Structure formats: C-alpha cells, structure tokens
Amino acid sequence: MPNGTKAPRAAGRIHTEMEQGFIRAELAPCDRLLAAGGWAQLKAAGQLRAEGRDYVVADGDVITFLFKA
C-alpha cells in the first residue's frame, strides 16, 4: 500500500465493493496484536481502534474492514 492511502482505498485494494460500501475500519498495530495473542483478546480488552473514511493506513496496521455490500 503506498504511503498516504486512506482506509476506504485500502479496502478497495481487496475488493472494489469494500471501498464503495466502506463503513469503518477496526485496527490495531501488529506488535500489539502479537503481544495480546490474537484478535479476540484485543477485542475483549477494548484495544481495537475504530477509524473512519479519513484514516490514513499506517505501516504495521492489521485491519478488519466493515462494509455494506
């Protein structure tokens, strides 16, 4: 992903419908994910961030995109 890519465009790199129906991105840095032991543990601990359309994806982000089809 090129530097400066916003979350909807990053979702669109996976599938164009994800960019068009983008709702939000839930994310965490990779090192935090590894330290917690998994996505479920991060979610249970309330350590996931929710970001909108203006979020610029950072190196090392692990992201789940929420979108409507």
PDB file of N, CA and C in Angstrom:
ATOM      1  N   MET A   1       0.835  -1.158   0.000  1.00  0.00           N
ATOM      2  CA  MET A   1       0.000   0.000   0.000  1.00  0.00           C
ATOM      3  C   MET A   1       0.898   1.246   0.000  1.00  0.00           C
ATOM      4  N   PRO A   2       0.693   2.168  -0.891  1.00  0.00           N
ATOM      5  CA  PRO A   2       1.513   3.380  -0.894  1.00  0.00           C
ATOM      6  C   PRO A   2       1.266   4.237   0.353  1.00  0.00           C
ATOM      7  N   ASN A   3       2.284   4.968   0.797  1.00  0.00           N
ATOM      8  CA  ASN A   3       2.113   5.887   1.922  1.00  0.00           C
ATOM      9  C   ASN A   3       0.990   6.870   1.614  1.00  0.00           C
ATOM     10  N   GLY A   4       0.206   7.199   2.632  1.00  0.00           N
ATOM     11  CA  GLY A   4      -0.873   8.165   2.471  1.00  0.00           C
ATOM     12  C   GLY A   4      -2.197   7.567   2.027  1.00  0.00           C
ATOM     13  N   THR A   5      -2.272   6.239   1.897  1.00  0.00           N
ATOM     14  CA  THR A   5      -3.509   5.594   1.470  1.00  0.00           C
ATOM     15  C   THR A   5      -4.542   5.648   2.592  1.00  0.00           C
ATOM     16  N   LYS A   6      -5.731   6.122   2.270  1.00  0.00           N
ATOM     17  CA  LYS A   6      -6.814   6.183   3.260  1.00  0.00           C
ATOM     18  C   LYS A   6      -7.521   4.835   3.329  1.00  0.00           C
ATOM     19  N   ALA A   7      -8.184   4.590   4.454  1.00  0.00           N
ATOM     20  CA  ALA A   7      -8.814   3.301   4.735  1.00  0.00           C
ATOM     21  C   ALA A   7      -9.749   2.815   3.623  1.00  0.00           C
ATOM     22  N   PRO A   8     -10.654   3.645   3.080  1.00  0.00           N
ATOM     23  CA  PRO A   8     -11.531   3.126   2.026  1.00  0.00           C
ATOM     24  C   PRO A   8     -10.772   2.641   0.792  1.00  0.00           C
ATOM     25  N   ARG A   9      -9.718   3.337   0.415  1.00  0.00           N
ATOM     26  CA  ARG A   9      -8.920   2.933  -0.744  1.00  0.00           C
ATOM     27  C   ARG A   9      -8.195   1.618  -0.450  1.00  0.00           C
ATOM     28  N   ALA A  10      -7.703   1.465   0.784  1.00  0.00           N
ATOM     29  CA  ALA A  10      -7.054   0.216   1.175  1.00  0.00           C
ATOM     30  C   ALA A  10      -8.043  -0.941   1.091  1.00  0.00           C
ATOM     31  N   ALA A  11      -9.271  -0.716   1.533  1.00  0.00           N
ATOM     32  CA  ALA A  11     -10.313  -1.744   1.432  1.00  0.00           C
ATOM     33  C   ALA A  11     -10.578  -2.065  -0.034  1.00  0.00           C
ATOM     34  N   GLY A  12     -10.559  -1.055  -0.879  1.00  0.00           N
ATOM     35  CA  GLY A  12     -10.783  -1.237  -2.305  1.00  0.00           C
ATOM     36  C   GLY A  12      -9.702  -2.049  -2.988  1.00  0.00           C
ATOM     37  N   ARG A  13      -8.510  -2.103  -2.400  1.00  0.00           N
ATOM     38  CA  ARG A  13      -7.432  -2.927  -2.969  1.00  0.00           C
ATOM     39  C   ARG A  13      -7.760  -4.410  -2.800  1.00  0.00           C
ATOM     40  N   ILE A  14      -8.597  -4.724  -1.812  1.00  0.00           N
ATOM     41  CA  ILE A  14      -9.033  -6.105  -1.607  1.00  0.00           C
ATOM     42  C   ILE A  14     -10.174  -6.410  -2.575  1.00  0.00           C
ATOM     43  N   HIS A  15     -11.171  -5.522  -2.578  1.00  0.00           N
ATOM     44  CA  HIS A  15     -12.314  -5.697  -3.489  1.00  0.00           C
ATOM     45  C   HIS A  15     -13.009  -4.342  -3.644  1.00  0.00           C
ATOM     46  N   THR A  16     -13.384  -3.988  -4.855  1.00  0.00           N
ATOM     47  CA  THR A  16     -13.973  -2.665  -5.114  1.00  0.00           C
ATOM     48  C   THR A  16     -15.255  -2.434  -4.325  1.00  0.00           C
ATOM     49  N   GLU A  17     -16.034  -3.472  -4.087  1.00  0.00           N
ATOM     50  CA  GLU A  17     -17.269  -3.301  -3.305  1.00  0.00           C
ATOM     51  C   GLU A  17     -16.973  -2.886  -1.870  1.00  0.00           C
ATOM     52  N   MET A  18     -15.824  -3.276  -1.356  1.00  0.00           N
ATOM     53  CA  MET A  18     -15.458  -2.895   0.008  1.00  0.00           C
ATOM     54  C   MET A  18     -15.179  -1.395   0.095  1.00  0.00           C
ATOM     55  N   GLU A  19     -14.626  -0.825  -0.952  1.00  0.00           N
ATOM     56  CA  GLU A  19     -14.385   0.620  -0.967  1.00  0.00           C
ATOM     57  C   GLU A  19     -15.698   1.369  -1.102  1.00  0.00           C
ATOM     58  N   GLN A  20     -16.558   0.909  -1.986  1.00  0.00           N
ATOM     59  CA  GLN A  20     -17.828   1.588  -2.230  1.00  0.00           C
ATOM     60  C   GLN A  20     -18.753   1.538  -1.017  1.00  0.00           C
ATOM     61  N   GLY A  21     -18.756   0.432  -0.280  1.00  0.00           N
ATOM     62  CA  GLY A  21     -19.645   0.286   0.862  1.00  0.00           C
ATOM     63  C   GLY A  21     -18.966   0.472   2.204  1.00  0.00           C
ATOM     64  N   PHE A  22     -17.780   1.092   2.203  1.00  0.00           N
ATOM     65  CA  PHE A  22     -16.979   1.267   3.425  1.00  0.00           C
ATOM     66  C   PHE A  22     -17.795   1.902   4.539  1.00  0.00           C
ATOM     67  N   ILE A  23     -17.747   1.288   5.716  1.00  0.00           N
ATOM     68  CA  ILE A  23     -18.388   1.844   6.915  1.00  0.00           C
ATOM     69  C   ILE A  23     -17.321   2.342   7.877  1.00  0.00           C
ATOM     70  N   ARG A  24     -16.431   1.433   8.294  1.00  0.00           N
ATOM     71  CA  ARG A  24     -15.327   1.809   9.182  1.00  0.00           C
ATOM     72  C   ARG A  24     -14.267   0.719   9.160  1.00  0.00           C
ATOM     73  N   ALA A  25     -13.133   1.044   9.752  1.00  0.00           N
ATOM     74  CA  ALA A  25     -12.039   0.088   9.892  1.00  0.00           C
ATOM     75  C   ALA A  25     -11.787  -0.131  11.374  1.00  0.00           C
ATOM     76  N   GLU A  26     -11.655  -1.381  11.774  1.00  0.00           N
ATOM     77  CA  GLU A  26     -11.232  -1.712  13.127  1.00  0.00           C
ATOM     78  C   GLU A  26      -9.795  -2.189  13.009  1.00  0.00           C
ATOM     79  N   LEU A  27      -8.905  -1.621  13.824  1.00  0.00           N
ATOM     80  CA  LEU A  27      -7.493  -1.905  13.634  1.00  0.00           C
ATOM     81  C   LEU A  27      -6.694  -1.895  14.913  1.00  0.00           C
ATOM     82  N   ALA A  28      -5.510  -2.458  14.796  1.00  0.00           N
ATOM     83  CA  ALA A  28      -4.518  -2.454  15.867  1.00  0.00           C
ATOM     84  C   ALA A  28      -3.148  -2.613  15.228  1.00  0.00           C
ATOM     85  N   PRO A  29      -2.118  -2.093  15.866  1.00  0.00           N
ATOM     86  CA  PRO A  29      -0.766  -2.322  15.360  1.00  0.00           C
ATOM     87  C   PRO A  29      -0.396  -3.797  15.493  1.00  0.00           C
ATOM     88  N   CYS A  30       0.389  -4.283  14.571  1.00  0.00           N
ATOM     89  CA  CYS A  30       0.789  -5.686  14.538  1.00  0.00           C
ATOM     90  C   CYS A  30       1.446  -6.122  15.841  1.00  0.00           C
ATOM     91  N   ASP A  31       2.329  -5.312  16.398  1.00  0.00           N
ATOM     92  CA  ASP A  31       3.024  -5.710  17.626  1.00  0.00           C
ATOM     93  C   ASP A  31       2.059  -5.871  18.794  1.00  0.00           C
ATOM     94  N   ARG A  32       1.041  -5.031  18.862  1.00  0.00           N
ATOM     95  CA  ARG A  32       0.037  -5.153  19.924  1.00  0.00           C
ATOM     96  C   ARG A  32      -0.787  -6.428  19.735  1.00  0.00           C
ATOM     97  N   LEU A  33      -1.118  -6.745  18.493  1.00  0.00           N
ATOM     98  CA  LEU A  33      -1.863  -7.965  18.186  1.00  0.00           C
ATOM     99  C   LEU A  33      -1.073  -9.197  18.614  1.00  0.00           C
ATOM    100  N   LEU A  34       0.201  -9.238  18.287  1.00  0.00           N
ATOM    101  CA  LEU A  34       1.037 -10.376  18.656  1.00  0.00           C
ATOM    102  C   LEU A  34       1.193 -10.492  20.175  1.00  0.00           C
ATOM    103  N   ALA A  35       1.359  -9.357  20.855  1.00  0.00           N
ATOM    104  CA  ALA A  35       1.522  -9.363  22.313  1.00  0.00           C
ATOM    105  C   ALA A  35       0.246  -9.833  23.020  1.00  0.00           C
ATOM    106  N   ALA A  36      -0.902  -9.494  22.459  1.00  0.00           N
ATOM    107  CA  ALA A  36      -2.182  -9.869  23.074  1.00  0.00           C
ATOM    108  C   ALA A  36      -2.516 -11.336  22.837  1.00  0.00           C
ATOM    109  N   GLY A  37      -1.958 -11.915  21.783  1.00  0.00           N
ATOM    110  CA  GLY A  37      -2.220 -13.308  21.492  1.00  0.00           C
ATOM    111  C   GLY A  37      -3.329 -13.551  20.497  1.00  0.00           C
ATOM    112  N   GLY A  38      -3.898 -12.481  19.941  1.00  0.00           N
ATOM    113  CA  GLY A  38      -4.920 -12.657  18.911  1.00  0.00           C
ATOM    114  C   GLY A  38      -5.938 -11.542  18.898  1.00  0.00           C
ATOM    115  N   TRP A  39      -6.728 -11.559  17.825  1.00  0.00           N
ATOM    116  CA  TRP A  39      -7.736 -10.519  17.597  1.00  0.00           C
ATOM    117  C   TRP A  39      -8.811 -10.543  18.683  1.00  0.00           C
ATOM    118  N   ALA A  40      -9.264 -11.741  19.059  1.00  0.00           N
ATOM    119  CA  ALA A  40     -10.326 -11.871  20.069  1.00  0.00           C
ATOM    120  C   ALA A  40      -9.884 -11.285  21.413  1.00  0.00           C
ATOM    121  N   GLN A  41      -8.622 -11.500  21.773  1.00  0.00           N
ATOM    122  CA  GLN A  41      -8.110 -10.959  23.024  1.00  0.00           C
ATOM    123  C   GLN A  41      -8.056  -9.431  22.990  1.00  0.00           C
ATOM    124  N   LEU A  42      -7.656  -8.870  21.845  1.00  0.00           N
ATOM    125  CA  LEU A  42      -7.632  -7.410  21.717  1.00  0.00           C
ATOM    126  C   LEU A  42      -9.043  -6.839  21.824  1.00  0.00           C
ATOM    127  N   LYS A  43      -9.974  -7.485  21.156  1.00  0.00           N
ATOM    128  CA  LYS A  43     -11.360  -7.009  21.176  1.00  0.00           C
ATOM    129  C   LYS A  43     -11.932  -7.088  22.591  1.00  0.00           C
ATOM    130  N   ALA A  44     -11.688  -8.185  23.287  1.00  0.00           N
ATOM    131  CA  ALA A  44     -12.182  -8.358  24.657  1.00  0.00           C
ATOM    132  C   ALA A  44     -11.588  -7.321  25.610  1.00  0.00           C
ATOM    133  N   ALA A  45     -10.344  -6.928  25.359  1.00  0.00           N
ATOM    134  CA  ALA A  45      -9.672  -5.940  26.205  1.00  0.00           C
ATOM    135  C   ALA A  45     -10.001  -4.506  25.795  1.00  0.00           C
ATOM    136  N   GLY A  46     -10.784  -4.333  24.727  1.00  0.00           N
ATOM    137  CA  GLY A  46     -11.142  -2.993  24.266  1.00  0.00           C
ATOM    138  C   GLY A  46      -9.980  -2.240  23.647  1.00  0.00           C
ATOM    139  N   GLN A  47      -9.042  -2.963  23.024  1.00  0.00           N
ATOM    140  CA  GLN A  47      -7.849  -2.329  22.478  1.00  0.00           C
ATOM    141  C   GLN A  47      -7.883  -2.136  20.968  1.00  0.00           C
ATOM    142  N   LEU A  48      -9.014  -2.421  20.334  1.00  0.00           N
ATOM    143  CA  LEU A  48      -9.141  -2.144  18.898  1.00  0.00           C
ATOM    144  C   LEU A  48      -9.576  -0.698  18.718  1.00  0.00           C
ATOM    145  N   ARG A  49      -9.053  -0.064  17.687  1.00  0.00           N
ATOM    146  CA  ARG A  49      -9.467   1.309  17.350  1.00  0.00           C
ATOM    147  C   ARG A  49     -10.443   1.243  16.190  1.00  0.00           C
ATOM    148  N   ALA A  50     -11.453   2.086  16.241  1.00  0.00           N
ATOM    149  CA  ALA A  50     -12.384   2.234  15.120  1.00  0.00           C
ATOM    150  C   ALA A  50     -12.029   3.538  14.422  1.00  0.00           C
ATOM    151  N   GLU A  51     -11.820   3.466  13.120  1.00  0.00           N
ATOM    152  CA  GLU A  51     -11.442   4.637  12.328  1.00  0.00           C
ATOM    153  C   GLU A  51     -12.383   4.773  11.140  1.00  0.00           C
ATOM    154  N   GLY A  52     -12.564   5.995  10.686  1.00  0.00           N
ATOM    155  CA  GLY A  52     -13.466   6.281   9.580  1.00  0.00           C
ATOM    156  C   GLY A  52     -12.763   6.490   8.256  1.00  0.00           C
ATOM    157  N   ARG A  53     -13.471   7.165   7.355  1.00  0.00           N
ATOM    158  CA  ARG A  53     -13.033   7.355   5.973  1.00  0.00           C
ATOM    159  C   ARG A  53     -11.728   8.148   5.842  1.00  0.00           C
ATOM    160  N   ASP A  54     -11.415   8.994   6.797  1.00  0.00           N
ATOM    161  CA  ASP A  54     -10.237   9.849   6.690  1.00  0.00           C
ATOM    162  C   ASP A  54      -8.974   9.237   7.284  1.00  0.00           C
ATOM    163  N   TYR A  55      -9.077   8.035   7.837  1.00  0.00           N
ATOM    164  CA  TYR A  55      -7.912   7.415   8.456  1.00  0.00           C
ATOM    165  C   TYR A  55      -6.883   7.048   7.388  1.00  0.00           C
ATOM    166  N   VAL A  56      -5.641   7.427   7.620  1.00  0.00           N
ATOM    167  CA  VAL A  56      -4.536   7.072   6.730  1.00  0.00           C
ATOM    168  C   VAL A  56      -3.872   5.826   7.301  1.00  0.00           C
ATOM    169  N   VAL A  57      -3.859   4.761   6.526  1.00  0.00           N
ATOM    170  CA  VAL A  57      -3.314   3.479   6.953  1.00  0.00           C
ATOM    171  C   VAL A  57      -1.827   3.625   7.249  1.00  0.00           C
ATOM    172  N   ALA A  58      -1.416   3.073   8.403  1.00  0.00           N
ATOM    173  CA  ALA A  58      -0.012   3.147   8.821  1.00  0.00           C
ATOM    174  C   ALA A  58       0.665   1.791   8.614  1.00  0.00           C
ATOM    175  N   ASP A  59       1.963   1.834   8.434  1.00  0.00           N
ATOM    176  CA  ASP A  59       2.745   0.610   8.295  1.00  0.00           C
ATOM    177  C   ASP A  59       2.580  -0.230   9.555  1.00  0.00           C
ATOM    178  N   GLY A  60       2.251  -1.499   9.400  1.00  0.00           N
ATOM    179  CA  GLY A  60       2.094  -2.398  10.538  1.00  0.00           C
ATOM    180  C   GLY A  60       0.667  -2.519  11.046  1.00  0.00           C
ATOM    181  N   ASP A  61      -0.268  -1.774  10.461  1.00  0.00           N
ATOM    182  CA  ASP A  61      -1.669  -1.891  10.872  1.00  0.00           C
ATOM    183  C   ASP A  61      -2.236  -3.239  10.440  1.00  0.00           C
ATOM    184  N   VAL A  62      -2.996  -3.859  11.329  1.00  0.00           N
ATOM    185  CA  VAL A  62      -3.783  -5.034  10.988  1.00  0.00           C
ATOM    186  C   VAL A  62      -5.224  -4.560  11.065  1.00  0.00           C
ATOM    187  N   ILE A  63      -5.966  -4.716   9.943  1.00  0.00           N
ATOM    188  CA  ILE A  63      -7.261  -4.063   9.814  1.00  0.00           C
ATOM    189  C   ILE A  63      -8.348  -5.049   9.424  1.00  0.00           C
ATOM    190  N   THR A  64      -9.519  -4.862  10.043  1.00  0.00           N
ATOM    191  CA  THR A  64     -10.750  -5.507   9.585  1.00  0.00           C
ATOM    192  C   THR A  64     -11.627  -4.388   9.046  1.00  0.00           C
ATOM    193  N   PHE A  65     -12.049  -4.528   7.801  1.00  0.00           N
ATOM    194  CA  PHE A  65     -12.911  -3.519   7.177  1.00  0.00           C
ATOM    195  C   PHE A  65     -14.359  -3.930   7.328  1.00  0.00           C
ATOM    196  N   LEU A  66     -15.182  -3.010   7.789  1.00  0.00           N
ATOM    197  CA  LEU A  66     -16.619  -3.227   7.847  1.00  0.00           C
ATOM    198  C   LEU A  66     -17.229  -2.458   6.690  1.00  0.00           C
ATOM    199  N   PHE A  67     -18.104  -3.141   5.933  1.00  0.00           N
ATOM    200  CA  PHE A  67     -18.689  -2.522   4.748  1.00  0.00           C
ATOM    201  C   PHE A  67     -20.037  -3.140   4.482  1.00  0.00           C
ATOM    202  N   LYS A  68     -20.848  -2.410   3.719  1.00  0.00           N
ATOM    203  CA  LYS A  68     -22.128  -2.969   3.276  1.00  0.00           C
ATOM    204  C   LYS A  68     -21.984  -3.353   1.815  1.00  0.00           C
ATOM    205  N   ALA A  69     -22.575  -4.467   1.476  1.00  0.00           N
ATOM    206  CA  ALA A  69     -22.446  -4.976   0.117  1.00  0.00           C
ATOM    207  C   ALA A  69     -23.511  -4.410  -0.788  1.00  0.00           C
TER     208      ALA A  69
END
